[in-house]
PDB file of N, CA and C in Angstrom:
ATOM      1  N   MET A   1      -7.369   5.209  10.718  1.00  0.00           N
ATOM      2  CA  MET A   1      -6.999   6.517  11.224  1.00  0.00           C
ATOM      3  C   MET A   1      -8.257   7.354  11.381  1.00  0.00           C
ATOM      4  N   SER A   2      -8.404   8.006  12.475  1.00  0.00           N
ATOM      5  CA  SER A   2      -9.572   8.823  12.731  1.00  0.00           C
ATOM      6  C   SER A   2      -9.426  10.173  12.046  1.00  0.00           C
ATOM      7  N   GLU A   3     -10.463  10.555  11.316  1.00  0.00           N
ATOM      8  CA  GLU A   3     -10.459  11.858  10.665  1.00  0.00           C
ATOM      9  C   GLU A   3     -11.200  12.882  11.505  1.00  0.00           C
ATOM     10  N   GLU A   4     -11.615  12.468  12.708  1.00  0.00           N
ATOM     11  CA  GLU A   4     -12.381  13.339  13.586  1.00  0.00           C
ATOM     12  C   GLU A   4     -11.615  14.605  13.936  1.00  0.00           C
ATOM     13  N   PHE A   5     -10.309  14.504  14.074  1.00  0.00           N
ATOM     14  CA  PHE A   5      -9.498  15.636  14.485  1.00  0.00           C
ATOM     15  C   PHE A   5      -8.682  16.224  13.354  1.00  0.00           C
ATOM     16  N   GLY A   6      -8.908  15.801  12.127  1.00  0.00           N
ATOM     17  CA  GLY A   6      -8.169  16.331  10.990  1.00  0.00           C
ATOM     18  C   GLY A   6      -6.950  15.487  10.683  1.00  0.00           C
ATOM     19  N   SER A   7      -6.150  15.984   9.763  1.00  0.00           N
ATOM     20  CA  SER A   7      -4.981  15.247   9.297  1.00  0.00           C
ATOM     21  C   SER A   7      -3.807  15.386  10.254  1.00  0.00           C
ATOM     22  N   ASP A   8      -2.918  14.384  10.200  1.00  0.00           N
ATOM     23  CA  ASP A   8      -1.678  14.412  10.961  1.00  0.00           C
ATOM     24  C   ASP A   8      -0.542  14.743  10.002  1.00  0.00           C
ATOM     25  N   PHE A   9       0.324  15.654  10.403  1.00  0.00           N
ATOM     26  CA  PHE A   9       1.458  16.058   9.583  1.00  0.00           C
ATOM     27  C   PHE A   9       2.742  15.890  10.387  1.00  0.00           C
ATOM     28  N   ILE A  10       3.806  15.497   9.690  1.00  0.00           N
ATOM     29  CA  ILE A  10       5.123  15.435  10.312  1.00  0.00           C
ATOM     30  C   ILE A  10       6.115  16.102   9.370  1.00  0.00           C
ATOM     31  N   THR A  11       7.223  16.509   9.906  1.00  0.00           N
ATOM     32  CA  THR A  11       8.319  17.029   9.097  1.00  0.00           C
ATOM     33  C   THR A  11       9.480  16.059   9.247  1.00  0.00           C
ATOM     34  N   VAL A  12      10.012  15.606   8.121  1.00  0.00           N
ATOM     35  CA  VAL A  12      11.158  14.702   8.135  1.00  0.00           C
ATOM     36  C   VAL A  12      12.324  15.370   7.436  1.00  0.00           C
ATOM     37  N   THR A  13      13.519  14.981   7.834  1.00  0.00           N
ATOM     38  CA  THR A  13      14.739  15.506   7.222  1.00  0.00           C
ATOM     39  C   THR A  13      15.501  14.328   6.648  1.00  0.00           C
ATOM     40  N   ASP A  14      15.866  14.436   5.356  1.00  0.00           N
ATOM     41  CA  ASP A  14      16.591  13.332   4.724  1.00  0.00           C
ATOM     42  C   ASP A  14      18.080  13.402   5.066  1.00  0.00           C
ATOM     43  N   ASP A  15      18.845  12.459   4.526  1.00  0.00           N
ATOM     44  CA  ASP A  15      20.277  12.367   4.819  1.00  0.00           C
ATOM     45  C   ASP A  15      21.059  13.582   4.331  1.00  0.00           C
ATOM     46  N   GLU A  16      20.488  14.324   3.386  1.00  0.00           N
ATOM     47  CA  GLU A  16      21.163  15.506   2.834  1.00  0.00           C
ATOM     48  C   GLU A  16      20.747  16.798   3.527  1.00  0.00           C
ATOM     49  N   GLY A  17      19.898  16.691   4.571  1.00  0.00           N
ATOM     50  CA  GLY A  17      19.481  17.867   5.322  1.00  0.00           C
ATOM     51  C   GLY A  17      18.255  18.568   4.776  1.00  0.00           C
ATOM     52  N   ASN A  18      17.610  18.005   3.762  1.00  0.00           N
ATOM     53  CA  ASN A  18      16.389  18.598   3.203  1.00  0.00           C
ATOM     54  C   ASN A  18      15.192  18.198   4.056  1.00  0.00           C
ATOM     55  N   SER A  19      14.334  19.168   4.372  1.00  0.00           N
ATOM     56  CA  SER A  19      13.148  18.909   5.179  1.00  0.00           C
ATOM     57  C   SER A  19      11.915  18.832   4.291  1.00  0.00           C
ATOM     58  N   PHE A  20      11.025  17.897   4.642  1.00  0.00           N
ATOM     59  CA  PHE A  20       9.792  17.693   3.896  1.00  0.00           C
ATOM     60  C   PHE A  20       8.640  17.557   4.874  1.00  0.00           C
ATOM     61  N   GLU A  21       7.512  18.150   4.534  1.00  0.00           N
ATOM     62  CA  GLU A  21       6.317  17.976   5.349  1.00  0.00           C
ATOM     63  C   GLU A  21       5.478  16.875   4.707  1.00  0.00           C
ATOM     64  N   LEU A  22       5.052  15.910   5.533  1.00  0.00           N
ATOM     65  CA  LEU A  22       4.293  14.766   5.047  1.00  0.00           C
ATOM     66  C   LEU A  22       2.972  14.661   5.791  1.00  0.00           C
ATOM     67  N   GLU A  23       1.937  14.257   5.060  1.00  0.00           N
ATOM     68  CA  GLU A  23       0.620  14.014   5.657  1.00  0.00           C
ATOM     69  C   GLU A  23       0.439  12.513   5.845  1.00  0.00           C
ATOM     70  N   LEU A  24       0.145  12.098   7.057  1.00  0.00           N
ATOM     71  CA  LEU A  24      -0.040  10.689   7.373  1.00  0.00           C
ATOM     72  C   LEU A  24      -1.360  10.195   6.800  1.00  0.00           C
ATOM     73  N   LEU A  25      -1.281   9.122   6.004  1.00  0.00           N
ATOM     74  CA  LEU A  25      -2.491   8.489   5.473  1.00  0.00           C
ATOM     75  C   LEU A  25      -2.969   7.382   6.406  1.00  0.00           C
ATOM     76  N   ASP A  26      -2.040   6.517   6.804  1.00  0.00           N
ATOM     77  CA  ASP A  26      -2.404   5.383   7.641  1.00  0.00           C
ATOM     78  C   ASP A  26      -1.140   4.721   8.179  1.00  0.00           C
ATOM     79  N   THR A  27      -1.306   3.952   9.239  1.00  0.00           N
ATOM     80  CA  THR A  27      -0.236   3.151   9.817  1.00  0.00           C
ATOM     81  C   THR A  27      -0.763   1.735   9.961  1.00  0.00           C
ATOM     82  N   MET A  28       0.086   0.756   9.646  1.00  0.00           N
ATOM     83  CA  MET A  28      -0.356  -0.632   9.734  1.00  0.00           C
ATOM     84  C   MET A  28       0.784  -1.534  10.183  1.00  0.00           C
ATOM     85  N   ASP A  29       0.403  -2.659  10.767  1.00  0.00           N
ATOM     86  CA  ASP A  29       1.343  -3.729  11.084  1.00  0.00           C
ATOM     87  C   ASP A  29       1.261  -4.727   9.942  1.00  0.00           C
ATOM     88  N   PHE A  30       2.426  -5.155   9.457  1.00  0.00           N
ATOM     89  CA  PHE A  30       2.477  -6.069   8.325  1.00  0.00           C
ATOM     90  C   PHE A  30       3.746  -6.899   8.428  1.00  0.00           C
ATOM     91  N   GLU A  31       3.592  -8.208   8.414  1.00  0.00           N
ATOM     92  CA  GLU A  31       4.719  -9.141   8.485  1.00  0.00           C
ATOM     93  C   GLU A  31       5.646  -8.842   9.670  1.00  0.00           C
ATOM     94  N   GLY A  32       5.039  -8.519  10.819  1.00  0.00           N
ATOM     95  CA  GLY A  32       5.803  -8.314  12.045  1.00  0.00           C
ATOM     96  C   GLY A  32       6.454  -6.952  12.191  1.00  0.00           C
ATOM     97  N   GLU A  33       6.222  -6.055  11.254  1.00  0.00           N
ATOM     98  CA  GLU A  33       6.790  -4.701  11.310  1.00  0.00           C
ATOM     99  C   GLU A  33       5.651  -3.685  11.237  1.00  0.00           C
ATOM    100  N   THR A  34       5.945  -2.447  11.625  1.00  0.00           N
ATOM    101  CA  THR A  34       4.969  -1.363  11.530  1.00  0.00           C
ATOM    102  C   THR A  34       5.427  -0.384  10.465  1.00  0.00           C
ATOM    103  N   TYR A  35       4.497   0.003   9.602  1.00  0.00           N
ATOM    104  CA  TYR A  35       4.783   0.915   8.494  1.00  0.00           C
ATOM    105  C   TYR A  35       3.759   2.043   8.498  1.00  0.00           C
ATOM    106  N   SER A  36       4.175   3.215   8.019  1.00  0.00           N
ATOM    107  CA  SER A  36       3.273   4.344   7.851  1.00  0.00           C
ATOM    108  C   SER A  36       3.348   4.810   6.410  1.00  0.00           C
ATOM    109  N   ALA A  37       2.184   5.200   5.871  1.00  0.00           N
ATOM    110  CA  ALA A  37       2.101   5.715   4.505  1.00  0.00           C
ATOM    111  C   ALA A  37       1.782   7.206   4.580  1.00  0.00           C
ATOM    112  N   PHE A  38       2.505   7.977   3.765  1.00  0.00           N
ATOM    113  CA  PHE A  38       2.369   9.426   3.762  1.00  0.00           C
ATOM    114  C   PHE A  38       2.208   9.938   2.339  1.00  0.00           C
ATOM    115  N   LEU A  39       1.680  11.167   2.231  1.00  0.00           N
ATOM    116  CA  LEU A  39       1.712  11.931   0.983  1.00  0.00           C
ATOM    117  C   LEU A  39       2.476  13.213   1.256  1.00  0.00           C
ATOM    118  N   PRO A  40       3.237  13.707   0.279  1.00  0.00           N
ATOM    119  CA  PRO A  40       3.940  14.972   0.473  1.00  0.00           C
ATOM    120  C   PRO A  40       2.923  16.106   0.627  1.00  0.00           C
ATOM    121  N   ALA A  41       3.020  16.861   1.705  1.00  0.00           N
ATOM    122  CA  ALA A  41       2.078  17.944   1.955  1.00  0.00           C
ATOM    123  C   ALA A  41       2.511  19.235   1.276  1.00  0.00           C
ATOM    124  N   ASP A  42       3.793  19.342   0.951  1.00  0.00           N
ATOM    125  CA  ASP A  42       4.311  20.592   0.390  1.00  0.00           C
ATOM    126  C   ASP A  42       4.713  20.426  -1.071  1.00  0.00           C
ATOM    127  N   MET A  43       4.024  19.499  -1.783  1.00  0.00           N
ATOM    128  CA  MET A  43       4.348  19.238  -3.180  1.00  0.00           C
ATOM    129  C   MET A  43       3.055  19.228  -3.984  1.00  0.00           C
ATOM    130  N   ASP A  44       3.099  19.775  -5.176  1.00  0.00           N
ATOM    131  CA  ASP A  44       1.945  19.798  -6.052  1.00  0.00           C
ATOM    132  C   ASP A  44       1.646  18.384  -6.554  1.00  0.00           C
ATOM    133  N   GLU A  45       0.365  18.036  -6.630  1.00  0.00           N
ATOM    134  CA  GLU A  45      -0.024  16.699  -7.085  1.00  0.00           C
ATOM    135  C   GLU A  45       0.412  16.411  -8.519  1.00  0.00           C
ATOM    136  N   ASP A  46       0.673  17.439  -9.307  1.00  0.00           N
ATOM    137  CA  ASP A  46       1.107  17.263 -10.692  1.00  0.00           C
ATOM    138  C   ASP A  46       2.614  17.024 -10.802  1.00  0.00           C
ATOM    139  N   ASP A  47       3.344  17.207  -9.715  1.00  0.00           N
ATOM    140  CA  ASP A  47       4.790  16.986  -9.719  1.00  0.00           C
ATOM    141  C   ASP A  47       5.072  15.510  -9.986  1.00  0.00           C
ATOM    142  N   PRO A  48       6.005  15.196 -10.869  1.00  0.00           N
ATOM    143  CA  PRO A  48       6.293  13.787 -11.174  1.00  0.00           C
ATOM    144  C   PRO A  48       6.804  12.987  -9.971  1.00  0.00           C
ATOM    145  N   ASP A  49       7.341  13.645  -8.953  1.00  0.00           N
ATOM    146  CA  ASP A  49       7.829  12.959  -7.757  1.00  0.00           C
ATOM    147  C   ASP A  49       6.738  12.755  -6.702  1.00  0.00           C
ATOM    148  N   TYR A  50       5.528  13.290  -6.962  1.00  0.00           N
ATOM    149  CA  TYR A  50       4.430  13.169  -6.000  1.00  0.00           C
ATOM    150  C   TYR A  50       3.943  11.724  -5.950  1.00  0.00           C
ATOM    151  N   GLY A  51       3.731  11.208  -4.768  1.00  0.00           N
ATOM    152  CA  GLY A  51       3.215   9.855  -4.610  1.00  0.00           C
ATOM    153  C   GLY A  51       3.318   9.414  -3.169  1.00  0.00           C
ATOM    154  N   ILE A  52       2.840   8.223  -2.913  1.00  0.00           N
ATOM    155  CA  ILE A  52       2.850   7.682  -1.553  1.00  0.00           C
ATOM    156  C   ILE A  52       4.285   7.388  -1.120  1.00  0.00           C
ATOM    157  N   ILE A  53       4.581   7.782   0.106  1.00  0.00           N
ATOM    158  CA  ILE A  53       5.882   7.526   0.718  1.00  0.00           C
ATOM    159  C   ILE A  53       5.640   6.564   1.875  1.00  0.00           C
ATOM    160  N   ILE A  54       6.334   5.442   1.863  1.00  0.00           N
ATOM    161  CA  ILE A  54       6.180   4.447   2.920  1.00  0.00           C
ATOM    162  C   ILE A  54       7.451   4.427   3.758  1.00  0.00           C
ATOM    163  N   LEU A  55       7.263   4.579   5.069  1.00  0.00           N
ATOM    164  CA  LEU A  55       8.383   4.546   6.002  1.00  0.00           C
ATOM    165  C   LEU A  55       8.130   3.470   7.050  1.00  0.00           C
ATOM    166  N   LYS A  56       9.196   2.839   7.491  1.00  0.00           N
ATOM    167  CA  LYS A  56       9.113   1.811   8.526  1.00  0.00           C
ATOM    168  C   LYS A  56       9.296   2.478   9.886  1.00  0.00           C
ATOM    169  N   VAL A  57       8.474   2.062  10.843  1.00  0.00           N
ATOM    170  CA  VAL A  57       8.601   2.562  12.210  1.00  0.00           C
ATOM    171  C   VAL A  57       9.665   1.717  12.899  1.00  0.00           C
ATOM    172  N   ILE A  58      10.697   2.384  13.385  1.00  0.00           N
ATOM    173  CA  ILE A  58      11.831   1.721  14.021  1.00  0.00           C
ATOM    174  C   ILE A  58      11.939   2.238  15.452  1.00  0.00           C
ATOM    175  N   GLU A  59      12.086   1.323  16.402  1.00  0.00           N
ATOM    176  CA  GLU A  59      12.264   1.740  17.783  1.00  0.00           C
ATOM    177  C   GLU A  59      13.745   1.761  18.106  1.00  0.00           C
ATOM    178  N   GLU A  60      14.203   2.910  18.591  1.00  0.00           N
ATOM    179  CA  GLU A  60      15.610   3.086  18.934  1.00  0.00           C
ATOM    180  C   GLU A  60      15.703   3.828  20.257  1.00  0.00           C
ATOM    181  N   ASP A  61      16.307   3.200  21.236  1.00  0.00           N
ATOM    182  CA  ASP A  61      16.442   3.771  22.584  1.00  0.00           C
ATOM    183  C   ASP A  61      15.081   4.166  23.159  1.00  0.00           C
ATOM    184  N   GLY A  62      14.065   3.326  22.918  1.00  0.00           N
ATOM    185  CA  GLY A  62      12.731   3.581  23.445  1.00  0.00           C
ATOM    186  C   GLY A  62      11.949   4.636  22.699  1.00  0.00           C
ATOM    187  N   GLU A  63      12.489   5.150  21.621  1.00  0.00           N
ATOM    188  CA  GLU A  63      11.844   6.200  20.847  1.00  0.00           C
ATOM    189  C   GLU A  63      11.479   5.664  19.463  1.00  0.00           C
ATOM    190  N   GLU A  64      10.277   6.013  18.977  1.00  0.00           N
ATOM    191  CA  GLU A  64       9.864   5.585  17.648  1.00  0.00           C
ATOM    192  C   GLU A  64      10.386   6.563  16.606  1.00  0.00           C
ATOM    193  N   LEU A  65      11.083   6.013  15.620  1.00  0.00           N
ATOM    194  CA  LEU A  65      11.629   6.807  14.528  1.00  0.00           C
ATOM    195  C   LEU A  65      11.134   6.231  13.208  1.00  0.00           C
ATOM    196  N   PHE A  66      11.219   7.021  12.140  1.00  0.00           N
ATOM    197  CA  PHE A  66      10.866   6.540  10.812  1.00  0.00           C
ATOM    198  C   PHE A  66      12.139   6.278  10.024  1.00  0.00           C
ATOM    199  N   GLY A  67      12.149   5.161   9.319  1.00  0.00           N
ATOM    200  CA  GLY A  67      13.284   4.810   8.478  1.00  0.00           C
ATOM    201  C   GLY A  67      12.795   4.410   7.102  1.00  0.00           C
ATOM    202  N   SER A  68      13.663   4.518   6.124  1.00  0.00           N
ATOM    203  CA  SER A  68      13.287   4.143   4.769  1.00  0.00           C
ATOM    204  C   SER A  68      13.232   2.622   4.640  1.00  0.00           C
ATOM    205  N   VAL A  69      12.467   2.165   3.664  1.00  0.00           N
ATOM    206  CA  VAL A  69      12.392   0.741   3.341  1.00  0.00           C
ATOM    207  C   VAL A  69      13.297   0.545   2.133  1.00  0.00           C
ATOM    208  N   ASP A  70      14.483  -0.017   2.352  1.00  0.00           N
ATOM    209  CA  ASP A  70      15.490  -0.115   1.301  1.00  0.00           C
ATOM    210  C   ASP A  70      15.349  -1.355   0.420  1.00  0.00           C
ATOM    211  N   ASP A  71      14.702  -2.401   0.930  1.00  0.00           N
ATOM    212  CA  ASP A  71      14.523  -3.629   0.163  1.00  0.00           C
ATOM    213  C   ASP A  71      13.338  -3.444  -0.790  1.00  0.00           C
ATOM    214  N   GLU A  72      13.590  -3.537  -2.101  1.00  0.00           N
ATOM    215  CA  GLU A  72      12.562  -3.295  -3.118  1.00  0.00           C
ATOM    216  C   GLU A  72      11.400  -4.281  -3.009  1.00  0.00           C
ATOM    217  N   GLU A  73      11.691  -5.549  -2.716  1.00  0.00           N
ATOM    218  CA  GLU A  73      10.629  -6.549  -2.588  1.00  0.00           C
ATOM    219  C   GLU A  73       9.747  -6.265  -1.375  1.00  0.00           C
ATOM    220  N   GLU A  74      10.383  -5.918  -0.266  1.00  0.00           N
ATOM    221  CA  GLU A  74       9.629  -5.565   0.946  1.00  0.00           C
ATOM    222  C   GLU A  74       8.756  -4.347   0.672  1.00  0.00           C
ATOM    223  N   LEU A  75       9.321  -3.338   0.035  1.00  0.00           N
ATOM    224  CA  LEU A  75       8.579  -2.121  -0.283  1.00  0.00           C
ATOM    225  C   LEU A  75       7.377  -2.430  -1.172  1.00  0.00           C
ATOM    226  N   ALA A  76       7.544  -3.282  -2.162  1.00  0.00           N
ATOM    227  CA  ALA A  76       6.449  -3.640  -3.066  1.00  0.00           C
ATOM    228  C   ALA A  76       5.328  -4.363  -2.307  1.00  0.00           C
ATOM    229  N   ARG A  77       5.687  -5.290  -1.407  1.00  0.00           N
ATOM    230  CA  ARG A  77       4.682  -6.007  -0.626  1.00  0.00           C
ATOM    231  C   ARG A  77       3.910  -5.056   0.285  1.00  0.00           C
ATOM    232  N   VAL A  78       4.633  -4.153   0.940  1.00  0.00           N
ATOM    233  CA  VAL A  78       3.994  -3.195   1.849  1.00  0.00           C
ATOM    234  C   VAL A  78       3.101  -2.248   1.057  1.00  0.00           C
ATOM    235  N   TYR A  79       3.591  -1.755  -0.077  1.00  0.00           N
ATOM    236  CA  TYR A  79       2.805  -0.849  -0.922  1.00  0.00           C
ATOM    237  C   TYR A  79       1.511  -1.536  -1.365  1.00  0.00           C
ATOM    238  N   ASP A  80       1.607  -2.770  -1.841  1.00  0.00           N
ATOM    239  CA  ASP A  80       0.421  -3.504  -2.288  1.00  0.00           C
ATOM    240  C   ASP A  80      -0.583  -3.671  -1.148  1.00  0.00           C
ATOM    241  N   HIS A  81      -0.072  -3.968   0.048  1.00  0.00           N
ATOM    242  CA  HIS A  81      -0.963  -4.141   1.196  1.00  0.00           C
ATOM    243  C   HIS A  81      -1.638  -2.817   1.566  1.00  0.00           C
ATOM    244  N   PHE A  82      -0.898  -1.716   1.539  1.00  0.00           N
ATOM    245  CA  PHE A  82      -1.491  -0.402   1.809  1.00  0.00           C
ATOM    246  C   PHE A  82      -2.573  -0.089   0.779  1.00  0.00           C
ATOM    247  N   MET A  83      -2.328  -0.395  -0.488  1.00  0.00           N
ATOM    248  CA  MET A  83      -3.314  -0.125  -1.527  1.00  0.00           C
ATOM    249  C   MET A  83      -4.596  -0.923  -1.281  1.00  0.00           C
ATOM    250  N   GLU A  84      -4.453  -2.167  -0.875  1.00  0.00           N
ATOM    251  CA  GLU A  84      -5.625  -2.976  -0.541  1.00  0.00           C
ATOM    252  C   GLU A  84      -6.425  -2.326   0.583  1.00  0.00           C
ATOM    253  N   ILE A  85      -5.733  -1.892   1.621  1.00  0.00           N
ATOM    254  CA  ILE A  85      -6.404  -1.271   2.771  1.00  0.00           C
ATOM    255  C   ILE A  85      -7.073   0.030   2.362  1.00  0.00           C
ATOM    256  N   LEU A  86      -6.346   0.895   1.652  1.00  0.00           N
ATOM    257  CA  LEU A  86      -6.891   2.198   1.276  1.00  0.00           C
ATOM    258  C   LEU A  86      -8.091   2.053   0.350  1.00  0.00           C
ATOM    259  N   PHE A  87      -8.006   1.157  -0.631  1.00  0.00           N
ATOM    260  CA  PHE A  87      -9.113   0.991  -1.556  1.00  0.00           C
ATOM    261  C   PHE A  87     -10.277   0.258  -0.907  1.00  0.00           C
ATOM    262  N   ASP A  88     -10.017  -0.652   0.024  1.00  0.00           N
ATOM    263  CA  ASP A  88     -11.105  -1.284   0.768  1.00  0.00           C
ATOM    264  C   ASP A  88     -11.859  -0.247   1.585  1.00  0.00           C
ATOM    265  N   ASP A  89     -11.117   0.696   2.215  1.00  0.00           N
ATOM    266  CA  ASP A  89     -11.765   1.774   2.975  1.00  0.00           C
ATOM    267  C   ASP A  89     -12.621   2.640   2.067  1.00  0.00           C
ATOM    268  N   GLU A  90     -12.117   2.983   0.875  1.00  0.00           N
ATOM    269  CA  GLU A  90     -12.877   3.799  -0.071  1.00  0.00           C
ATOM    270  C   GLU A  90     -14.132   3.064  -0.517  1.00  0.00           C
ATOM    271  N   ASP A  91     -14.000   1.772  -0.811  1.00  0.00           N
ATOM    272  CA  ASP A  91     -15.154   0.989  -1.249  1.00  0.00           C
ATOM    273  C   ASP A  91     -16.215   0.900  -0.160  1.00  0.00           C
ATOM    274  N   SER A  92     -15.786   0.724   1.081  1.00  0.00           N
ATOM    275  CA  SER A  92     -16.757   0.633   2.176  1.00  0.00           C
ATOM    276  C   SER A  92     -17.395   1.989   2.452  1.00  0.00           C
ATOM    277  N   ASP A  93     -16.648   3.096   2.272  1.00  0.00           N
ATOM    278  CA  ASP A  93     -17.226   4.433   2.431  1.00  0.00           C
ATOM    279  C   ASP A  93     -18.302   4.677   1.384  1.00  0.00           C
ATOM    280  N   GLU A  94     -18.049   4.247   0.135  1.00  0.00           N
ATOM    281  CA  GLU A  94     -18.999   4.444  -0.936  1.00  0.00           C
ATOM    282  C   GLU A  94     -20.255   3.611  -0.728  1.00  0.00           C
ATOM    283  N   SER A  95     -20.124   2.406  -0.192  1.00  0.00           N
ATOM    284  CA  SER A  95     -21.273   1.544   0.011  1.00  0.00           C
ATOM    285  C   SER A  95     -22.138   2.025   1.173  1.00  0.00           C
ATOM    286  N   GLU A  96     -21.575   2.833   2.079  1.00  0.00           N
ATOM    287  CA  GLU A  96     -22.336   3.375   3.213  1.00  0.00           C
ATOM    288  C   GLU A  96     -23.193   4.556   2.787  1.00  0.00           C
ATOM    289  N   GLU A  97     -22.883   5.167   1.653  1.00  0.00           N
ATOM    290  CA  GLU A  97     -23.618   6.368   1.232  1.00  0.00           C
ATOM    291  C   GLU A  97     -24.949   6.033   0.645  1.00  0.00           C
TER     292      GLU A  97
END
């Protein structure tokens, strides 16, 4: 993800009608699907619910939508892969300094 233009933010609404603002960390293709990782933009980092949110990109009627990852095993694999990517990026940034 290019940081040249700043962060990307989206607002999502859950099934109960609650809206949340999320900051996009990265998007990746993994096991034939596309996933995006977000952090809550409107939540304090000390909040116990604060953490990475992973959503699956779903195409519906030609439009890209975000959906939850309901399978726990799939979510764990995607989370682990995102962590590898994010920490590899951090390690390479540190080695460039």
